Amino acid sequence: MRNSAYAAGREELVLAVSLELATASWKIACHDGRRDKPAVHTLTNPQAGARLQAALDLIERQKQQWSLPAGVRTVVCYEAGQDAFWICRALQAHGTECYVLDAASIPVARHRRRAKTDRLDAIKLVLNLRAWLHGERDRMHVVHVPSVQDEALRHLTRDRAELQKEVLQHRNRIGKLLRTLGCWDDLKHGFASRACPGGGQVL
């Protein structure tokens, strides 16, 4: 049950958390809505599972540091990217509310486009999350998290299409090489190992 921790008529207390993901480290920004600036931390654990556990431990320490109720509603978000959905599934398995966001949906002020760091991105993300939780749905777009089976099927379909594209590219390269050797008909009959009119050999 979500713990409001406030008297009747006051808004629900929520700990918003954003993850800015990179291979070398994660930036984590936390904000409870009761202070001016989010707290930002860096995790550099080399193993994925250890880094995720460190993130969960950090969130719990932040709750204690800010004297938040143990059962305070905690909402985590991160942008969809190379890490896909495993982090979201893992957090949800630990009972943590999590959303994956479409990176293109996060508004960017023109005068701030040049000042881009993981720290600033994490802060911007957690502030957008708080606004989204307060009903400002134009601040970000939540991506549907597929099942493990659907995601595997999606990877299979995409990989098959990529392989077919690569096969076509290789055939075109071989075809161009054969034309330079006078072997115009070999693409129709397969690449037999024999001599070509131009003195080359099809392998």
C-alpha atoms as a PDB file:
ATOM      1  CA  MET A   1       0.000   0.000   0.000  1.00  0.00           C
ATOM      2  CA  ARG A   2       1.344   3.421  -0.923  1.00  0.00           C
ATOM      3  CA  ASN A   3       2.315   5.473   2.104  1.00  0.00           C
ATOM      4  CA  SER A   4       1.386   9.144   1.814  1.00  0.00           C
ATOM      5  CA  ALA A   5       3.123  10.054   5.119  1.00  0.00           C
ATOM      6  CA  TYR A   6       1.389  13.418   4.973  1.00  0.00           C
ATOM      7  CA  ALA A   7      -1.738  14.603   6.709  1.00  0.00           C
ATOM      8  CA  ALA A   8      -5.019  14.580   4.815  1.00  0.00           C
ATOM      9  CA  GLY A   9      -5.050  17.093   2.007  1.00  0.00           C
ATOM     10  CA  ARG A  10      -1.294  16.974   1.496  1.00  0.00           C
ATOM     11  CA  GLU A  11       0.248  15.418  -1.601  1.00  0.00           C
ATOM     12  CA  GLU A  12       1.595  11.896  -1.480  1.00  0.00           C
ATOM     13  CA  LEU A  13       5.237  11.588  -0.501  1.00  0.00           C
ATOM     14  CA  VAL A  14       7.191   9.934  -3.316  1.00  0.00           C
ATOM     15  CA  LEU A  15      10.887   9.222  -3.691  1.00  0.00           C
ATOM     16  CA  ALA A  16      11.677   9.711  -7.391  1.00  0.00           C
ATOM     17  CA  VAL A  17      14.821   8.062  -8.718  1.00  0.00           C
ATOM     18  CA  SER A  18      16.414   8.317 -12.151  1.00  0.00           C
ATOM     19  CA  LEU A  19      19.169   6.150 -13.618  1.00  0.00           C
ATOM     20  CA  GLU A  20      21.557   7.490 -16.247  1.00  0.00           C
ATOM     21  CA  LEU A  21      23.130   4.326 -17.627  1.00  0.00           C
ATOM     22  CA  ALA A  22      26.600   3.894 -19.096  1.00  0.00           C
ATOM     23  CA  THR A  23      28.931   0.913 -19.369  1.00  0.00           C
ATOM     24  CA  ALA A  24      31.533   2.336 -16.992  1.00  0.00           C
ATOM     25  CA  SER A  25      29.126   3.748 -14.404  1.00  0.00           C
ATOM     26  CA  TRP A  26      25.563   4.674 -13.500  1.00  0.00           C
ATOM     27  CA  LYS A  27      24.491   8.096 -12.268  1.00  0.00           C
ATOM     28  CA  ILE A  28      21.577   7.933  -9.831  1.00  0.00           C
ATOM     29  CA  ALA A  29      19.549  11.017  -8.932  1.00  0.00           C
ATOM     30  CA  CYS A  30      17.101  10.933  -6.011  1.00  0.00           C
ATOM     31  CA  HIS A  31      14.502  13.552  -5.123  1.00  0.00           C
ATOM     32  CA  ASP A  32      11.708  13.478  -2.545  1.00  0.00           C
ATOM     33  CA  GLY A  33      10.092  16.803  -3.502  1.00  0.00           C
ATOM     34  CA  ARG A  34      10.960  18.387  -0.148  1.00  0.00           C
ATOM     35  CA  ARG A  35      14.349  19.880  -1.036  1.00  0.00           C
ATOM     36  CA  ASP A  36      15.713  22.160  -3.741  1.00  0.00           C
ATOM     37  CA  LYS A  37      18.225  19.858  -5.428  1.00  0.00           C
ATOM     38  CA  PRO A  38      18.299  16.119  -6.067  1.00  0.00           C
ATOM     39  CA  ALA A  39      21.036  13.989  -4.545  1.00  0.00           C
ATOM     40  CA  VAL A  40      23.269  12.478  -7.236  1.00  0.00           C
ATOM     41  CA  HIS A  41      25.448   9.388  -6.786  1.00  0.00           C
ATOM     42  CA  THR A  42      27.767   7.327  -9.004  1.00  0.00           C
ATOM     43  CA  LEU A  43      27.990   3.532  -9.096  1.00  0.00           C
ATOM     44  CA  THR A  44      30.959   1.829 -10.741  1.00  0.00           C
ATOM     45  CA  ASN A  45      30.534  -1.836  -9.769  1.00  0.00           C
ATOM     46  CA  PRO A  46      32.008  -3.877 -12.647  1.00  0.00           C
ATOM     47  CA  GLN A  47      29.304  -6.576 -12.649  1.00  0.00           C
ATOM     48  CA  ALA A  48      25.745  -5.799 -13.716  1.00  0.00           C
ATOM     49  CA  GLY A  49      24.047  -7.690 -10.891  1.00  0.00           C
ATOM     50  CA  ALA A  50      26.292  -6.112  -8.264  1.00  0.00           C
ATOM     51  CA  ARG A  51      25.659  -2.649  -9.684  1.00  0.00           C
ATOM     52  CA  LEU A  52      21.905  -3.170  -9.574  1.00  0.00           C
ATOM     53  CA  GLN A  53      22.100  -4.353  -5.946  1.00  0.00           C
ATOM     54  CA  ALA A  54      24.257  -1.337  -5.119  1.00  0.00           C
ATOM     55  CA  ALA A  55      21.541   0.880  -6.607  1.00  0.00           C
ATOM     56  CA  LEU A  56      18.895  -0.750  -4.411  1.00  0.00           C
ATOM     57  CA  ASP A  57      21.114  -0.371  -1.344  1.00  0.00           C
ATOM     58  CA  LEU A  58      21.765   3.273  -2.186  1.00  0.00           C
ATOM     59  CA  ILE A  59      18.043   3.991  -2.465  1.00  0.00           C
ATOM     60  CA  GLU A  60      17.486   2.477   0.975  1.00  0.00           C
ATOM     61  CA  ARG A  61      20.323   4.565   2.466  1.00  0.00           C
ATOM     62  CA  GLN A  62      18.842   7.686   0.889  1.00  0.00           C
ATOM     63  CA  LYS A  63      15.513   6.957   2.529  1.00  0.00           C
ATOM     64  CA  GLN A  64      17.219   6.695   5.907  1.00  0.00           C
ATOM     65  CA  GLN A  65      19.304   9.833   5.352  1.00  0.00           C
ATOM     66  CA  TRP A  66      16.211  11.851   4.494  1.00  0.00           C
ATOM     67  CA  SER A  67      14.145  10.214   7.265  1.00  0.00           C
ATOM     68  CA  LEU A  68      11.593   8.860   4.801  1.00  0.00           C
ATOM     69  CA  PRO A  69       9.148   6.147   5.868  1.00  0.00           C
ATOM     70  CA  ALA A  70      10.352   2.619   5.104  1.00  0.00           C
ATOM     71  CA  GLY A  71       7.292   2.008   2.917  1.00  0.00           C
ATOM     72  CA  VAL A  72       7.438   5.309   1.026  1.00  0.00           C
ATOM     73  CA  ARG A  73       6.426   4.989  -2.608  1.00  0.00           C
ATOM     74  CA  THR A  74       9.602   4.759  -4.687  1.00  0.00           C
ATOM     75  CA  VAL A  75       9.507   5.269  -8.447  1.00  0.00           C
ATOM     76  CA  VAL A  76      12.530   4.612 -10.679  1.00  0.00           C
ATOM     77  CA  CYS A  77      12.939   5.534 -14.332  1.00  0.00           C
ATOM     78  CA  TYR A  78      15.581   5.284 -17.037  1.00  0.00           C
ATOM     79  CA  GLU A  79      15.788   5.836 -20.770  1.00  0.00           C
ATOM     80  CA  ALA A  80      15.428   2.936 -23.185  1.00  0.00           C
ATOM     81  CA  GLY A  81      18.760   2.002 -24.727  1.00  0.00           C
ATOM     82  CA  GLN A  82      21.264  -0.810 -24.995  1.00  0.00           C
ATOM     83  CA  ASP A  83      20.338  -2.181 -21.559  1.00  0.00           C
ATOM     84  CA  ALA A  84      16.769  -2.717 -22.772  1.00  0.00           C
ATOM     85  CA  PHE A  85      14.388  -3.973 -20.071  1.00  0.00           C
ATOM     86  CA  TRP A  86      16.333  -6.271 -17.733  1.00  0.00           C
ATOM     87  CA  ILE A  87      16.837  -3.492 -15.165  1.00  0.00           C
ATOM     88  CA  CYS A  88      13.117  -2.718 -15.105  1.00  0.00           C
ATOM     89  CA  ARG A  89      12.211  -6.384 -14.654  1.00  0.00           C
ATOM     90  CA  ALA A  90      14.786  -6.817 -11.900  1.00  0.00           C
ATOM     91  CA  LEU A  91      13.579  -3.742 -10.008  1.00  0.00           C
ATOM     92  CA  GLN A  92       9.959  -4.817 -10.303  1.00  0.00           C
ATOM     93  CA  ALA A  93      10.929  -8.258  -8.989  1.00  0.00           C
ATOM     94  CA  HIS A  94      12.264  -6.442  -5.902  1.00  0.00           C
ATOM     95  CA  GLY A  95       8.925  -4.650  -5.514  1.00  0.00           C
ATOM     96  CA  THR A  96      10.151  -1.312  -6.906  1.00  0.00           C
ATOM     97  CA  GLU A  97       7.970   0.663  -9.305  1.00  0.00           C
ATOM     98  CA  CYS A  98       9.908   1.304 -12.509  1.00  0.00           C
ATOM     99  CA  TYR A  99       9.293   2.910 -15.900  1.00  0.00           C
ATOM    100  CA  VAL A 100      11.332   2.785 -19.112  1.00  0.00           C
ATOM    101  CA  LEU A 101      11.221   6.007 -21.099  1.00  0.00           C
ATOM    102  CA  ASP A 102      11.483   6.963 -24.744  1.00  0.00           C
ATOM    103  CA  ALA A 103      14.613   9.141 -24.812  1.00  0.00           C
ATOM    104  CA  ALA A 104      13.263  11.203 -27.709  1.00  0.00           C
ATOM    105  CA  SER A 105      10.260  12.248 -25.602  1.00  0.00           C
ATOM    106  CA  ILE A 106      12.325  14.119 -22.990  1.00  0.00           C
ATOM    107  CA  PRO A 107      12.158  17.874 -23.730  1.00  0.00           C
ATOM    108  CA  VAL A 108      15.527  19.633 -24.129  1.00  0.00           C
ATOM    109  CA  ALA A 109      15.934  23.396 -23.744  1.00  0.00           C
ATOM    110  CA  ARG A 110      17.865  24.784 -26.708  1.00  0.00           C
ATOM    111  CA  HIS A 111      20.241  26.873 -24.588  1.00  0.00           C
ATOM    112  CA  ARG A 112      21.235  23.754 -22.627  1.00  0.00           C
ATOM    113  CA  ARG A 113      21.973  21.421 -25.528  1.00  0.00           C
ATOM    114  CA  ARG A 114      25.702  21.970 -25.308  1.00  0.00           C
ATOM    115  CA  ALA A 115      25.880  21.311 -21.545  1.00  0.00           C
ATOM    116  CA  LYS A 116      25.349  17.560 -21.587  1.00  0.00           C
ATOM    117  CA  THR A 117      26.807  15.339 -18.884  1.00  0.00           C
ATOM    118  CA  ASP A 118      25.538  12.170 -17.223  1.00  0.00           C
ATOM    119  CA  ARG A 119      25.031  14.110 -13.978  1.00  0.00           C
ATOM    120  CA  LEU A 120      22.914  16.800 -15.647  1.00  0.00           C
ATOM    121  CA  ASP A 121      20.974  14.157 -17.561  1.00  0.00           C
ATOM    122  CA  ALA A 122      20.190  12.255 -14.353  1.00  0.00           C
ATOM    123  CA  ILE A 123      18.976  15.453 -12.655  1.00  0.00           C
ATOM    124  CA  LYS A 124      16.845  16.441 -15.658  1.00  0.00           C
ATOM    125  CA  LEU A 125      15.361  12.958 -15.770  1.00  0.00           C
ATOM    126  CA  VAL A 126      14.382  12.837 -12.096  1.00  0.00           C
ATOM    127  CA  LEU A 127      12.776  16.300 -12.310  1.00  0.00           C
ATOM    128  CA  ASN A 128      10.815  15.222 -15.380  1.00  0.00           C
ATOM    129  CA  LEU A 129       9.735  12.101 -13.513  1.00  0.00           C
ATOM    130  CA  ARG A 130       8.379  14.162 -10.636  1.00  0.00           C
ATOM    131  CA  ALA A 131       6.478  16.407 -13.053  1.00  0.00           C
ATOM    132  CA  TRP A 132       5.102  13.318 -14.858  1.00  0.00           C
ATOM    133  CA  LEU A 133       3.938  11.844 -11.564  1.00  0.00           C
ATOM    134  CA  HIS A 134       2.098  15.113 -10.871  1.00  0.00           C
ATOM    135  CA  GLY A 135       0.153  14.740 -14.114  1.00  0.00           C
ATOM    136  CA  GLU A 136       2.370  16.539 -16.643  1.00  0.00           C
ATOM    137  CA  ARG A 137       2.250  13.675 -19.139  1.00  0.00           C
ATOM    138  CA  ASP A 138       3.979  15.669 -21.870  1.00  0.00           C
ATOM    139  CA  ARG A 139       7.232  15.566 -19.891  1.00  0.00           C
ATOM    140  CA  MET A 140       8.031  11.991 -20.976  1.00  0.00           C
ATOM    141  CA  HIS A 141       6.633   8.942 -22.746  1.00  0.00           C
ATOM    142  CA  VAL A 142       6.662   5.531 -21.065  1.00  0.00           C
ATOM    143  CA  VAL A 143       7.674   2.588 -23.247  1.00  0.00           C
ATOM    144  CA  HIS A 144       5.802  -0.712 -23.083  1.00  0.00           C
ATOM    145  CA  VAL A 145       7.939  -3.399 -21.429  1.00  0.00           C
ATOM    146  CA  PRO A 146       7.511  -6.658 -23.379  1.00  0.00           C
ATOM    147  CA  SER A 147       7.579 -10.095 -21.839  1.00  0.00           C
ATOM    148  CA  VAL A 148      10.872 -11.997 -21.937  1.00  0.00           C
ATOM    149  CA  GLN A 149       9.402 -14.267 -24.644  1.00  0.00           C
ATOM    150  CA  ASP A 150       8.224 -11.353 -26.817  1.00  0.00           C
ATOM    151  CA  GLU A 151      11.575  -9.627 -26.482  1.00  0.00           C
ATOM    152  CA  ALA A 152      13.428 -12.807 -27.520  1.00  0.00           C
ATOM    153  CA  LEU A 153      11.167 -13.159 -30.562  1.00  0.00           C
ATOM    154  CA  ARG A 154      11.789  -9.527 -31.460  1.00  0.00           C
ATOM    155  CA  HIS A 155      15.562 -10.099 -31.299  1.00  0.00           C
ATOM    156  CA  LEU A 156      15.228 -13.229 -33.460  1.00  0.00           C
ATOM    157  CA  THR A 157      13.227 -11.397 -36.128  1.00  0.00           C
ATOM    158  CA  ARG A 158      15.609  -8.419 -36.151  1.00  0.00           C
ATOM    159  CA  ASP A 159      18.726 -10.623 -36.273  1.00  0.00           C
ATOM    160  CA  ARG A 160      17.296 -12.673 -39.150  1.00  0.00           C
ATOM    161  CA  ALA A 161      16.590  -9.503 -41.126  1.00  0.00           C
ATOM    162  CA  GLU A 162      20.118  -8.229 -40.464  1.00  0.00           C
ATOM    163  CA  LEU A 163      21.653 -11.533 -41.628  1.00  0.00           C
ATOM    164  CA  GLN A 164      19.568 -11.504 -44.806  1.00  0.00           C
ATOM    165  CA  LYS A 165      20.759  -7.963 -45.486  1.00  0.00           C
ATOM    166  CA  GLU A 166      24.390  -8.990 -44.964  1.00  0.00           C
ATOM    167  CA  VAL A 167      24.000 -12.005 -47.301  1.00  0.00           C
ATOM    168  CA  LEU A 168      22.653  -9.719 -50.031  1.00  0.00           C
ATOM    169  CA  GLN A 169      25.520  -7.269 -49.525  1.00  0.00           C
ATOM    170  CA  HIS A 170      28.104 -10.061 -49.814  1.00  0.00           C
ATOM    171  CA  ARG A 171      26.448 -11.475 -52.954  1.00  0.00           C
ATOM    172  CA  ASN A 172      26.511  -8.033 -54.545  1.00  0.00           C
ATOM    173  CA  ARG A 173      30.213  -7.630 -53.747  1.00  0.00           C
ATOM    174  CA  ILE A 174      31.012 -11.058 -55.176  1.00  0.00           C
ATOM    175  CA  GLY A 175      28.913 -10.292 -58.261  1.00  0.00           C
ATOM    176  CA  LYS A 176      30.877  -7.107 -58.911  1.00  0.00           C
ATOM    177  CA  LEU A 177      34.152  -9.017 -58.561  1.00  0.00           C
ATOM    178  CA  LEU A 178      32.956 -11.729 -60.972  1.00  0.00           C
ATOM    179  CA  ARG A 179      32.093  -9.151 -63.620  1.00  0.00           C
ATOM    180  CA  THR A 180      35.675  -7.891 -63.517  1.00  0.00           C
ATOM    181  CA  LEU A 181      36.782 -11.495 -64.323  1.00  0.00           C
ATOM    182  CA  GLY A 182      34.249 -12.083 -67.075  1.00  0.00           C
ATOM    183  CA  CYS A 183      32.194 -14.565 -65.038  1.00  0.00           C
ATOM    184  CA  TRP A 184      28.752 -13.055 -65.596  1.00  0.00           C
ATOM    185  CA  ASP A 185      26.730 -16.248 -65.295  1.00  0.00           C
ATOM    186  CA  ASP A 186      28.156 -17.621 -62.063  1.00  0.00           C
ATOM    187  CA  LEU A 187      25.627 -15.902 -59.812  1.00  0.00           C
ATOM    188  CA  LYS A 188      22.876 -17.801 -61.644  1.00  0.00           C
ATOM    189  CA  HIS A 189      24.563 -21.198 -61.348  1.00  0.00           C
ATOM    190  CA  GLY A 190      26.352 -20.884 -58.034  1.00  0.00           C
ATOM    191  CA  PHE A 191      30.002 -20.141 -57.324  1.00  0.00           C
ATOM    192  CA  ALA A 192      31.755 -23.203 -58.717  1.00  0.00           C
ATOM    193  CA  SER A 193      35.501 -23.537 -58.356  1.00  0.00           C
ATOM    194  CA  ARG A 194      36.678 -23.105 -61.947  1.00  0.00           C
ATOM    195  CA  ALA A 195      38.663 -20.780 -64.165  1.00  0.00           C
ATOM    196  CA  CYS A 196      37.104 -17.618 -65.621  1.00  0.00           C
ATOM    197  CA  PRO A 197      37.594 -16.214 -69.145  1.00  0.00           C
ATOM    198  CA  GLY A 198      39.603 -13.334 -67.729  1.00  0.00           C
ATOM    199  CA  GLY A 199      42.204 -15.623 -66.201  1.00  0.00           C
ATOM    200  CA  GLY A 200      40.839 -15.528 -62.624  1.00  0.00           C
ATOM    201  CA  GLN A 201      39.284 -18.381 -60.678  1.00  0.00           C
ATOM    202  CA  VAL A 202      35.985 -18.633 -58.864  1.00  0.00           C
ATOM    203  CA  LEU A 203      36.553 -20.242 -55.439  1.00  0.00           C
END
